[in-house]
Each structure stands twice: as C-alpha cells, then as structure tokens.
Amino acid sequence: MQQLLEWIFPLNRSLTGDGVRMTLAALQTAADFEVHEVPSGTECYDWTVPDEWSVREAYLEQSGRRLVDFAEHPLHLVGYSEPMEAMLPLTEVGLHIHAENEAIPYRTSYYKRGWGFCMRTAQWLQFNASEPVRVLIDSTIEPGSMTYGEHILPGSSGREFLISTYCCHPAMANDNCSGLMAWTMLLRALQGRKLRHTYRFIVSPETIGALAYIHRHEHAIKGLEGGYCLNTCGGPDALSYKRSFEGDASVDRAVRLAFRDADLQHDEHEFDAAGSDERQYATPGLRIPVGSIHRSKYYDYPEYHTSADDLDFISPPRIESVVDIYLRAIENLEYDRRYHSLCPIGEPMLSKRGLYRPMGGLTGLADHESAIRWQLQAAGEWTLDTAEQSGLKVKTLARAGEELERAGLLREIV
C-alpha cells in the first residue's frame, strides 16, 4: 500500500487526462478491474462530459526566477487552467492568484474557462510589484474522454451493492489517495471469494464521473440496494461513519453492527447534501442509500484541500482499519437473510434434534443457543434486525439460522 501511495500521490489527476489513467493503471497492479472511456461532449442528464485537459508546463517567473512552478507541485496550477503566455503587471496577475498562509490551496475551474495559480502567502510576497511577471501555462483543453474503472463481483442472491470512490484529486493524500487505496484493497480482498450478493466497484472522477456512470447504467443502478463511498479514510482522527440519506438502511445497520461487534467506538455524521458521490445516488429519482466510513472526514480537518494533506498526514495502518470495518460490514450483509418458520405455532423441541443442552435447569444460555431461540422467535425478520434487537453477533445468528434450516425448522425466504 505504501508503494502504491508513493506512486500515485504526485500525479496530476483531474476530471480527465493522463493523470487519471496513470493512477488507475497503478491500481490495476494490485486488483483486477476494467477501464472505460466516456467521450467529451457526452450528455449525462443536466451535465456534459468536458473536454480533456492536459498540462506540460506552467510557471510564474520574474527577473529570470521561477517563483511558482507547477513542476514542484500540481496544486500550484488551478485545475483546468487554459493556455496562457504573457508578460503582465503584478496587479493583473494578482487577480488570478489564490494564496493561503500555511499551505498551497486546491482550486479548480472545470466549467468556466480561465487560469490561475495557487501558492503560500510567503511565495506571493516574494514578487516585486514594480516588475512584470512572465506567465506561462502550456496546457490544452480539447475533445478527448473521461476515464473510469469498474469491476462487478457477481453473487447469487439477487441483491446488489455499490462500492464507489473518486480519482480526480491531485497530490492530496487523505482526499483521496486514501479512498483509492481502501477501494483497491477492498476489491482485492473480495476477489476470488464466493459471494452471496453482487458488488459493483466503481472508481471515477467525482460528480461528473458518477453521473456519467449512472447515465450509462441507469437500469442496473436503480436495482442497487445500497452501497458505500470510500474517501478520506487515512487521517489521524477517530473512526467515524457518515450515514446514508435514509439513515437506517441495511448498509447503515451493517456498519453500526460491525463497529459494535468489533467493540470499537466511532463518531457518526448526518447525511450531508454537499457531500461526495453518495449525493448523486440519493437524488429523488434513485434514492439509493450510500454511506461512508472515515478517518478525518472531508471538510472536518484544516489540511483539507491543501498541500498539507500530504503522505505524512495519513498512514497505511489507518487505511487498513477502515478497510477492516468495510469487510466486517460486507460480511454482515452477506449473512443478512430471512427465514420462514416450518414450526410456526409453539416452540419446537430442540433437544430431540440435538440443538439444546440435555441438562435442564441451568441458568444462562450460550450465545449459540440464544441465537437458535432468537432465530426461531424472529422468523420472517432480517438477520440484521435480529442482531440489533438481541445484541448477538450477526455471524452467530447466521450460523444458528443455517443449523435450524438443516434441522428442518426454518426455510430461507428467497
């Protein structure tokens, strides 16, 4: 993971371009998925896939000294800056400057043509007001395509879930190299497993990438039961969960139970309409519940959208801790099922079937025996619901359900 982080971190990712392609190619060395292109000009509901942007060189120079250089950090250039070559007075250059005291800010101008540079305030103060500034932006904005990755892990249940992340942020580690790592490691962990449900893995540029994917696959997307959007999951803050629009969907409950059964404390955030790609799936025509597990959630840490969000801000073990909770949540979804009682009136005799201890009168029930009683009592309810009500682990209830099915007392509702 560390090698991949160091490989992809400095790449100039944007909505389009070779930075995205190189990033996805790097991730393909760790997990198997397919890469697709969407042509510029493709209409996606109320949006249009933009022309492709590429940059070869960009800098601000004064008296022969390059005071700001895109080659030193991709955040120095406003995303989607158009080509520019001129000698300009500092007052005019200042209209295109974004400066912050502690770090280089991240700025983009995707859908309105223009240009600009970002820097620390100290860098801006190095410029001499009496001398002209040479501005060079060797870029192109022309028809091309937008790139996204996809892999579908098939299951047999008919239930399908989304696993999404975004790949358009340059040289920022928590947002969103950490999400790209978590997505890749989660896909790698699930590949080769026999899965009950289908999992649709998508990696695309934020907003327009999700919209383009939904537009291409609207029928399939409408069949999703829920999902997770993986981002900002490697920072130093405590584990947290941002709930879906619904707030109590199966994906929400699976995560809460994962935290509970792992005996891990976590913070919880309300759904935010200004969030990430989960808002596209939650729009009125879809209403697909999508949640996110975080460590240092976007907007909530001062390094967010600046060059201070670097590789020192995150760590692979923290990303791994998020992947672990996602795996536990997916395991909970895999175990979630309903049963029809084949002995619906009165309690069936368990001891004659070898499902209960032969000695009566003992106080307390082992978790497995308690799970057997709960599964019989809750026939018709989902396993996640029973786990919440009983306090038992989802896995324990699932094993009890399978045992009762073998004993002819329950039959799964398909």
Protein backbone atom coordinates (compact mmCIF):
# COMPACT_ATOMS: atom_id res chain seq x y z
CA MET A 1 0.00 0.00 0.00
CA GLN A 2 2.82 2.40 0.85
CA GLN A 3 4.44 1.83 -2.54
CA LEU A 4 1.16 2.50 -4.34
CA LEU A 5 0.58 5.66 -2.31
CA GLU A 6 4.02 6.99 -3.21
CA TRP A 7 3.40 6.10 -6.85
CA ILE A 8 0.02 7.78 -7.29
CA PHE A 9 0.27 10.70 -4.84
CA PRO A 10 2.11 13.24 -7.06
CA LEU A 11 0.11 12.57 -10.23
CA ASN A 12 -1.89 15.47 -11.69
CA ARG A 13 -5.37 13.96 -11.51
CA SER A 14 -8.37 15.94 -12.71
CA LEU A 15 -11.76 15.20 -14.29
CA THR A 16 -9.93 13.91 -17.36
CA GLY A 17 -6.44 13.22 -18.63
CA ASP A 18 -3.43 11.01 -18.28
CA GLY A 19 -3.11 11.60 -14.53
CA VAL A 20 -6.31 9.62 -14.02
CA ARG A 21 -5.24 6.94 -16.50
CA MET A 22 -1.84 6.52 -14.84
CA THR A 23 -3.50 6.31 -11.41
CA LEU A 24 -5.91 3.59 -12.50
CA ALA A 25 -3.08 1.70 -14.23
CA ALA A 26 -1.15 1.74 -10.95
CA LEU A 27 -4.16 0.43 -9.01
CA GLN A 28 -4.59 -2.36 -11.56
CA THR A 29 -1.26 -3.79 -10.39
CA ALA A 30 -2.96 -4.58 -7.06
CA ALA A 31 -6.53 -5.51 -8.06
CA ASP A 32 -8.29 -6.58 -11.23
CA PHE A 33 -10.72 -4.14 -12.83
CA GLU A 34 -11.60 -2.76 -16.25
CA VAL A 35 -11.03 0.79 -17.54
CA HIS A 36 -13.54 2.61 -19.76
CA GLU A 37 -13.64 5.96 -21.56
CA VAL A 38 -16.57 8.37 -21.96
CA PRO A 39 -16.14 10.81 -24.89
CA SER A 40 -16.11 14.54 -24.29
CA GLY A 41 -19.46 16.08 -25.11
CA THR A 42 -21.45 13.10 -23.81
CA GLU A 43 -24.61 14.38 -22.15
CA CYS A 44 -25.30 12.96 -18.68
CA TYR A 45 -28.68 14.28 -17.58
CA ASP A 46 -28.10 18.01 -16.89
CA TRP A 47 -24.30 17.73 -17.29
CA THR A 48 -21.85 17.25 -20.17
CA VAL A 49 -18.52 15.42 -20.06
CA PRO A 50 -15.91 18.18 -20.52
CA ASP A 51 -13.06 18.38 -22.96
CA GLU A 52 -9.86 16.69 -21.86
CA TRP A 53 -7.27 18.81 -20.03
CA SER A 54 -3.54 18.22 -20.09
CA VAL A 55 -0.58 20.25 -18.82
CA ARG A 56 3.02 20.09 -19.89
CA GLU A 57 4.45 23.12 -18.08
CA ALA A 58 3.22 26.08 -16.03
CA TYR A 59 5.06 28.72 -14.01
CA LEU A 60 5.28 32.35 -12.88
CA GLU A 61 8.66 33.96 -13.50
CA GLN A 62 10.08 37.34 -12.56
CA SER A 63 13.55 38.66 -13.41
CA GLY A 64 14.50 35.21 -14.68
CA ARG A 65 13.50 33.45 -11.44
CA ARG A 66 10.65 30.92 -11.35
CA LEU A 67 8.84 31.81 -8.16
CA VAL A 68 5.95 29.39 -8.65
CA ASP A 69 6.29 26.20 -10.70
CA PHE A 70 3.70 23.51 -11.50
CA ALA A 71 6.58 21.02 -11.75
CA GLU A 72 7.17 21.40 -8.00
CA HIS A 73 3.54 20.72 -7.00
CA PRO A 74 0.44 20.18 -9.16
CA LEU A 75 -1.69 22.24 -6.77
CA HIS A 76 0.20 25.35 -7.89
CA LEU A 77 -1.97 25.46 -11.02
CA VAL A 78 -5.73 25.97 -10.86
CA GLY A 79 -7.36 22.87 -12.32
CA TYR A 80 -8.40 23.23 -15.96
CA SER A 81 -6.38 26.43 -16.47
CA GLU A 82 -6.44 27.38 -20.14
CA PRO A 83 -3.25 28.06 -22.14
CA MET A 84 -1.57 31.37 -21.37
CA GLU A 85 1.70 33.08 -22.30
CA ALA A 86 2.20 36.74 -21.49
CA MET A 87 4.18 39.38 -19.62
CA LEU A 88 1.77 41.03 -17.20
CA PRO A 89 1.97 43.60 -14.41
CA LEU A 90 1.76 42.16 -10.93
CA THR A 91 -1.58 43.87 -10.30
CA GLU A 92 -3.16 41.92 -13.15
CA VAL A 93 -1.51 38.64 -12.16
CA GLY A 94 -2.86 39.16 -8.66
CA LEU A 95 -6.40 38.80 -9.97
CA HIS A 96 -5.54 35.15 -10.75
CA ILE A 97 -3.73 34.27 -7.52
CA HIS A 98 -5.06 32.13 -4.65
CA ALA A 99 -2.81 32.27 -1.58
CA GLU A 100 -3.08 30.86 1.93
CA ASN A 101 -0.71 31.26 4.84
CA GLU A 102 0.14 27.69 5.76
CA ALA A 103 -0.19 25.61 2.57
CA ILE A 104 -0.96 25.65 -1.15
CA PRO A 105 -4.75 25.70 -1.60
CA TYR A 106 -6.58 23.46 -4.08
CA ARG A 107 -8.67 25.34 -6.66
CA THR A 108 -10.38 24.28 -9.88
CA SER A 109 -12.28 25.96 -12.71
CA TYR A 110 -13.76 22.99 -14.54
CA TYR A 111 -16.71 24.55 -16.29
CA LYS A 112 -15.70 28.20 -16.70
CA ARG A 113 -12.63 28.92 -18.78
CA GLY A 114 -9.89 30.87 -17.07
CA TRP A 115 -6.50 30.45 -15.46
CA GLY A 116 -4.87 30.85 -12.08
CA PHE A 117 -2.08 29.87 -9.71
CA CYS A 118 -2.14 28.77 -6.06
CA MET A 119 0.61 29.27 -3.50
CA ARG A 120 1.51 30.03 0.08
CA THR A 121 1.24 33.67 1.07
CA ALA A 122 5.00 33.79 1.62
CA GLN A 123 5.56 32.88 -2.02
CA TRP A 124 3.26 35.64 -3.21
CA LEU A 125 5.13 38.19 -1.09
CA GLN A 126 8.36 37.36 -2.96
CA PHE A 127 7.08 39.08 -6.11
CA ASN A 128 8.30 42.60 -6.87
CA ALA A 129 5.40 44.98 -7.56
CA SER A 130 7.49 47.10 -9.94
CA GLU A 131 8.47 44.31 -12.32
CA PRO A 132 6.35 42.43 -14.89
CA VAL A 133 5.64 38.73 -14.44
CA ARG A 134 6.08 36.13 -17.11
CA VAL A 135 3.06 33.82 -17.10
CA LEU A 136 3.35 30.51 -18.93
CA ILE A 137 0.70 27.79 -18.97
CA ASP A 138 1.43 25.19 -21.61
CA SER A 139 -1.87 23.31 -21.49
CA THR A 140 -4.54 22.02 -23.84
CA ILE A 141 -8.30 21.73 -23.41
CA GLU A 142 -9.68 19.80 -26.36
CA PRO A 143 -12.06 16.92 -27.16
CA GLY A 144 -10.95 13.65 -25.64
CA SER A 145 -12.54 11.46 -23.00
CA MET A 146 -13.11 10.88 -19.29
CA THR A 147 -11.79 7.67 -17.71
CA TYR A 148 -13.34 5.43 -15.08
CA GLY A 149 -12.75 1.96 -13.66
CA GLU A 150 -15.27 -0.79 -12.97
CA HIS A 151 -15.46 -4.36 -11.73
CA ILE A 152 -18.54 -6.37 -10.83
CA LEU A 153 -18.17 -9.24 -8.37
CA PRO A 154 -21.20 -11.47 -9.03
CA GLY A 155 -23.36 -13.08 -6.35
CA SER A 156 -26.39 -15.35 -6.39
CA SER A 157 -28.89 -13.64 -4.07
CA GLY A 158 -30.22 -11.01 -6.47
CA ARG A 159 -29.17 -8.27 -4.03
CA GLU A 160 -26.55 -5.82 -5.30
CA PHE A 161 -24.41 -3.19 -3.54
CA LEU A 162 -22.20 -0.34 -4.75
CA ILE A 163 -18.57 0.24 -3.71
CA SER A 164 -17.50 3.64 -5.09
CA THR A 165 -14.59 6.07 -4.89
CA TYR A 166 -13.28 9.06 -6.84
CA CYS A 167 -9.96 9.64 -8.61
CA CYS A 168 -9.85 13.34 -9.58
CA HIS A 169 -7.87 14.98 -6.74
CA PRO A 170 -4.17 15.69 -7.43
CA ALA A 171 -1.43 15.37 -4.82
CA MET A 172 -3.67 15.14 -1.76
CA ALA A 173 -3.29 12.06 0.39
CA ASN A 174 -6.38 11.74 2.58
CA ASP A 175 -8.60 13.25 -0.12
CA ASN A 176 -8.45 10.98 -1.91
CA CYS A 177 -5.41 8.70 -2.26
CA SER A 178 -6.63 7.04 0.94
CA GLY A 179 -10.01 6.26 -0.64
CA LEU A 180 -8.33 4.88 -3.75
CA MET A 181 -6.19 2.60 -1.57
CA ALA A 182 -9.16 1.45 0.50
CA TRP A 183 -11.20 0.77 -2.65
CA THR A 184 -8.37 -1.21 -4.24
CA MET A 185 -7.65 -3.25 -1.10
CA LEU A 186 -11.34 -3.98 -0.56
CA LEU A 187 -11.69 -5.18 -4.16
CA ARG A 188 -8.51 -7.24 -3.80
CA ALA A 189 -9.81 -8.83 -0.57
CA LEU A 190 -13.14 -9.83 -2.10
CA GLN A 191 -11.88 -11.09 -5.45
CA GLY A 192 -11.83 -14.87 -5.53
CA ARG A 193 -14.35 -15.25 -2.71
CA LYS A 194 -17.68 -16.96 -3.19
CA LEU A 195 -20.10 -14.12 -2.58
CA ARG A 196 -23.78 -14.23 -1.80
CA HIS A 197 -24.50 -10.72 -3.09
CA THR A 198 -23.23 -8.80 -6.11
CA TYR A 199 -20.81 -5.91 -5.52
CA ARG A 200 -20.39 -3.20 -8.18
CA PHE A 201 -17.00 -1.49 -7.78
CA ILE A 202 -16.70 1.93 -9.44
CA VAL A 203 -13.78 4.41 -9.46
CA SER A 204 -14.40 7.63 -11.37
CA PRO A 205 -13.90 11.40 -11.25
CA GLU A 206 -16.15 12.95 -8.60
CA THR A 207 -19.64 14.17 -9.60
CA ILE A 208 -19.38 14.06 -13.41
CA GLY A 209 -17.90 10.55 -13.31
CA ALA A 210 -20.69 9.24 -11.09
CA LEU A 211 -23.31 10.96 -13.27
CA ALA A 212 -21.80 9.52 -16.44
CA TYR A 213 -21.74 6.04 -14.94
CA ILE A 214 -25.33 6.28 -13.73
CA HIS A 215 -26.39 7.55 -17.15
CA ARG A 216 -24.72 4.61 -18.86
CA HIS A 217 -26.12 2.03 -16.41
CA GLU A 218 -29.31 3.58 -15.10
CA HIS A 219 -31.36 0.38 -15.14
CA ALA A 220 -28.72 -1.52 -13.16
CA ILE A 221 -28.16 1.38 -10.76
CA LYS A 222 -31.85 1.53 -9.92
CA GLY A 223 -31.57 -2.09 -8.77
CA LEU A 224 -28.92 -1.32 -6.14
CA GLU A 225 -29.95 -1.87 -2.54
CA GLY A 226 -27.27 0.47 -1.20
CA GLY A 227 -23.56 0.99 -1.05
CA TYR A 228 -20.53 2.78 0.29
CA CYS A 229 -18.44 5.70 -1.00
CA LEU A 230 -14.80 5.30 0.08
CA ASN A 231 -12.91 8.53 0.78
CA THR A 232 -10.88 10.43 3.40
CA CYS A 233 -10.08 7.33 5.43
CA GLY A 234 -6.40 7.62 6.35
CA GLY A 235 -6.15 10.67 8.61
CA PRO A 236 -5.30 10.84 12.32
CA ASP A 237 -8.84 11.36 13.63
CA ALA A 238 -11.03 8.66 15.16
CA LEU A 239 -13.13 6.32 13.04
CA SER A 240 -16.48 7.78 12.03
CA TYR A 241 -19.45 6.90 9.86
CA LYS A 242 -21.48 9.22 7.66
CA ARG A 243 -24.91 7.68 7.34
CA SER A 244 -26.89 7.38 4.13
CA PHE A 245 -29.78 9.66 3.17
CA GLU A 246 -32.14 7.06 4.61
CA GLY A 247 -30.05 6.71 7.75
CA ASP A 248 -31.27 3.25 8.74
CA ALA A 249 -30.82 1.20 5.57
CA SER A 250 -29.18 -2.22 5.57
CA VAL A 251 -25.81 -0.63 4.70
CA ASP A 252 -26.09 1.69 7.73
CA ARG A 253 -27.04 -1.09 10.11
CA ALA A 254 -24.32 -3.39 8.76
CA VAL A 255 -21.68 -0.76 9.60
CA ARG A 256 -23.07 0.00 13.06
CA LEU A 257 -23.11 -3.70 13.88
CA ALA A 258 -19.56 -4.04 12.53
CA PHE A 259 -18.39 -1.37 14.96
CA ARG A 260 -20.41 -2.88 17.80
CA ASP A 261 -19.20 -6.43 17.29
CA ALA A 262 -15.58 -5.25 16.94
CA ASP A 263 -16.03 -3.32 20.20
CA LEU A 264 -14.89 -0.10 18.50
CA GLN A 265 -16.18 3.36 19.35
CA HIS A 266 -16.98 5.67 16.45
CA ASP A 267 -18.50 9.05 15.72
CA GLU A 268 -21.50 9.33 13.43
CA HIS A 269 -22.32 12.09 10.95
CA GLU A 270 -25.66 13.01 9.44
CA PHE A 271 -26.16 12.80 5.69
CA ASP A 272 -24.91 15.98 4.01
CA ALA A 273 -26.34 17.16 0.69
CA ALA A 274 -22.96 18.83 -0.01
CA GLY A 275 -21.08 15.56 0.41
CA SER A 276 -19.38 13.31 -2.12
CA ASP A 277 -20.81 10.99 -4.79
CA GLU A 278 -23.34 9.48 -2.38
CA ARG A 279 -25.47 12.55 -3.12
CA GLN A 280 -25.81 11.51 -6.78
CA TYR A 281 -27.17 8.10 -5.81
CA ALA A 282 -29.50 9.66 -3.22
CA THR A 283 -31.24 12.02 -5.67
CA PRO A 284 -35.06 11.72 -5.84
CA GLY A 285 -35.10 9.50 -8.93
CA LEU A 286 -32.79 6.92 -7.34
CA ARG A 287 -32.85 7.18 -3.52
CA ILE A 288 -30.08 4.60 -3.12
CA PRO A 289 -28.66 4.69 0.42
CA VAL A 290 -24.87 5.15 0.34
CA GLY A 291 -22.75 5.68 3.47
CA SER A 292 -19.05 6.32 4.16
CA ILE A 293 -16.54 5.33 6.84
CA HIS A 294 -13.92 7.98 7.55
CA ARG A 295 -10.78 8.87 9.42
CA SER A 296 -10.59 12.70 9.19
CA LYS A 297 -13.71 13.35 7.10
CA TYR A 298 -13.63 15.92 4.30
CA TYR A 299 -14.37 19.50 5.48
CA ASP A 300 -13.52 18.49 9.08
CA TYR A 301 -9.73 18.88 9.17
CA PRO A 302 -7.71 22.06 8.49
CA GLU A 303 -5.38 20.37 5.99
CA TYR A 304 -8.37 19.56 3.73
CA HIS A 305 -7.96 20.74 0.12
CA THR A 306 -4.42 22.00 0.67
CA SER A 307 -0.90 20.73 0.12
CA ALA A 308 -0.73 19.95 3.87
CA ASP A 309 -2.87 16.89 3.08
CA ASP A 310 0.28 15.00 2.23
CA LEU A 311 1.62 11.49 2.77
CA ASP A 312 2.72 12.38 6.31
CA PHE A 313 -0.92 13.13 7.20
CA ILE A 314 -2.09 9.56 6.51
CA SER A 315 -0.85 6.06 7.26
CA PRO A 316 -1.50 2.62 5.73
CA PRO A 317 -2.49 1.11 9.11
CA ARG A 318 -5.25 3.71 9.49
CA ILE A 319 -6.50 2.99 5.97
CA GLU A 320 -6.35 -0.71 6.81
CA SER A 321 -8.53 -0.12 9.89
CA VAL A 322 -11.21 1.38 7.65
CA VAL A 323 -10.97 -1.48 5.17
CA ASP A 324 -11.42 -3.88 8.08
CA ILE A 325 -14.71 -2.24 9.09
CA TYR A 326 -15.91 -2.28 5.48
CA LEU A 327 -15.10 -6.01 5.30
CA ARG A 328 -16.98 -6.63 8.54
CA ALA A 329 -19.95 -4.65 7.21
CA ILE A 330 -19.94 -6.60 3.94
CA GLU A 331 -19.75 -9.84 5.94
CA ASN A 332 -22.83 -8.68 7.84
CA LEU A 333 -24.64 -8.01 4.57
CA GLU A 334 -23.61 -11.45 3.33
CA TYR A 335 -25.14 -13.06 6.45
CA ASP A 336 -28.33 -10.99 6.28
CA ARG A 337 -31.29 -13.19 5.32
CA ARG A 338 -34.86 -14.06 6.33
CA TYR A 339 -36.45 -17.40 7.20
CA HIS A 340 -39.95 -18.82 7.08
CA SER A 341 -40.82 -20.92 10.16
CA LEU A 342 -41.77 -24.53 9.42
CA CYS A 343 -42.98 -24.89 13.02
CA PRO A 344 -44.79 -21.58 13.44
CA ILE A 345 -47.01 -22.24 16.46
CA GLY A 346 -45.36 -23.01 19.75
CA GLU A 347 -41.71 -23.59 20.39
CA PRO A 348 -40.24 -26.68 18.68
CA MET A 349 -38.44 -29.20 20.84
CA LEU A 350 -34.76 -28.50 20.32
CA SER A 351 -33.16 -31.18 22.49
CA LYS A 352 -34.51 -34.07 20.44
CA ARG A 353 -32.81 -32.51 17.43
CA GLY A 354 -29.52 -32.05 19.28
CA LEU A 355 -29.96 -28.26 19.28
CA TYR A 356 -30.19 -27.75 23.02
CA ARG A 357 -28.26 -28.92 26.08
CA PRO A 358 -29.55 -32.21 27.54
CA MET A 359 -29.35 -30.98 31.15
CA GLY A 360 -32.19 -28.60 32.08
CA GLY A 361 -32.42 -26.00 34.85
CA LEU A 362 -29.06 -24.35 34.15
CA THR A 363 -29.01 -20.56 34.21
CA GLY A 364 -27.76 -18.55 31.27
CA LEU A 365 -27.63 -19.51 27.64
CA ALA A 366 -24.57 -19.82 25.46
CA ASP A 367 -24.61 -17.35 22.56
CA HIS A 368 -25.26 -20.14 20.08
CA GLU A 369 -28.24 -21.49 22.00
CA SER A 370 -29.54 -17.95 22.45
CA ALA A 371 -29.14 -17.36 18.71
CA ILE A 372 -31.16 -20.51 17.94
CA ARG A 373 -34.01 -19.25 20.13
CA TRP A 374 -33.86 -15.79 18.60
CA GLN A 375 -33.87 -17.08 15.03
CA LEU A 376 -36.92 -19.22 15.77
CA GLN A 377 -38.69 -16.34 17.50
CA ALA A 378 -37.81 -13.76 14.81
CA ALA A 379 -38.65 -15.88 11.75
CA GLY A 380 -39.61 -13.51 8.96
CA GLU A 381 -37.24 -10.74 10.14
CA TRP A 382 -33.88 -9.86 8.61
CA THR A 383 -30.80 -11.08 10.46
CA LEU A 384 -29.51 -7.52 10.87
CA ASP A 385 -32.73 -6.55 12.65
CA THR A 386 -32.48 -9.57 14.96
CA ALA A 387 -28.82 -8.77 15.72
CA GLU A 388 -29.78 -5.25 16.79
CA GLN A 389 -32.68 -6.49 18.92
CA SER A 390 -30.87 -9.40 20.56
CA GLY A 391 -27.39 -7.94 20.98
CA LEU A 392 -25.93 -11.07 19.37
CA LYS A 393 -23.37 -11.02 16.59
CA VAL A 394 -24.67 -11.29 13.03
CA LYS A 395 -22.35 -14.22 12.34
CA THR A 396 -23.62 -16.12 15.41
CA LEU A 397 -27.24 -15.64 14.32
CA ALA A 398 -26.40 -16.63 10.75
CA ARG A 399 -24.82 -19.92 11.85
CA ALA A 400 -27.84 -20.66 14.05
CA GLY A 401 -30.14 -20.00 11.10
CA GLU A 402 -28.21 -22.39 8.89
CA GLU A 403 -28.33 -25.06 11.59
CA LEU A 404 -32.09 -24.63 12.03
CA GLU A 405 -32.56 -24.86 8.27
CA ARG A 406 -30.65 -28.16 8.21
CA ALA A 407 -32.86 -29.39 11.06
CA GLY A 408 -35.98 -28.65 9.03
CA LEU A 409 -37.29 -25.91 11.34
CA LEU A 410 -36.63 -22.90 9.06
CA ARG A 411 -36.61 -22.32 5.32
CA GLU A 412 -34.91 -19.30 3.78
CA ILE A 413 -37.17 -16.77 2.10
CA VAL A 414 -35.66 -16.16 -1.33
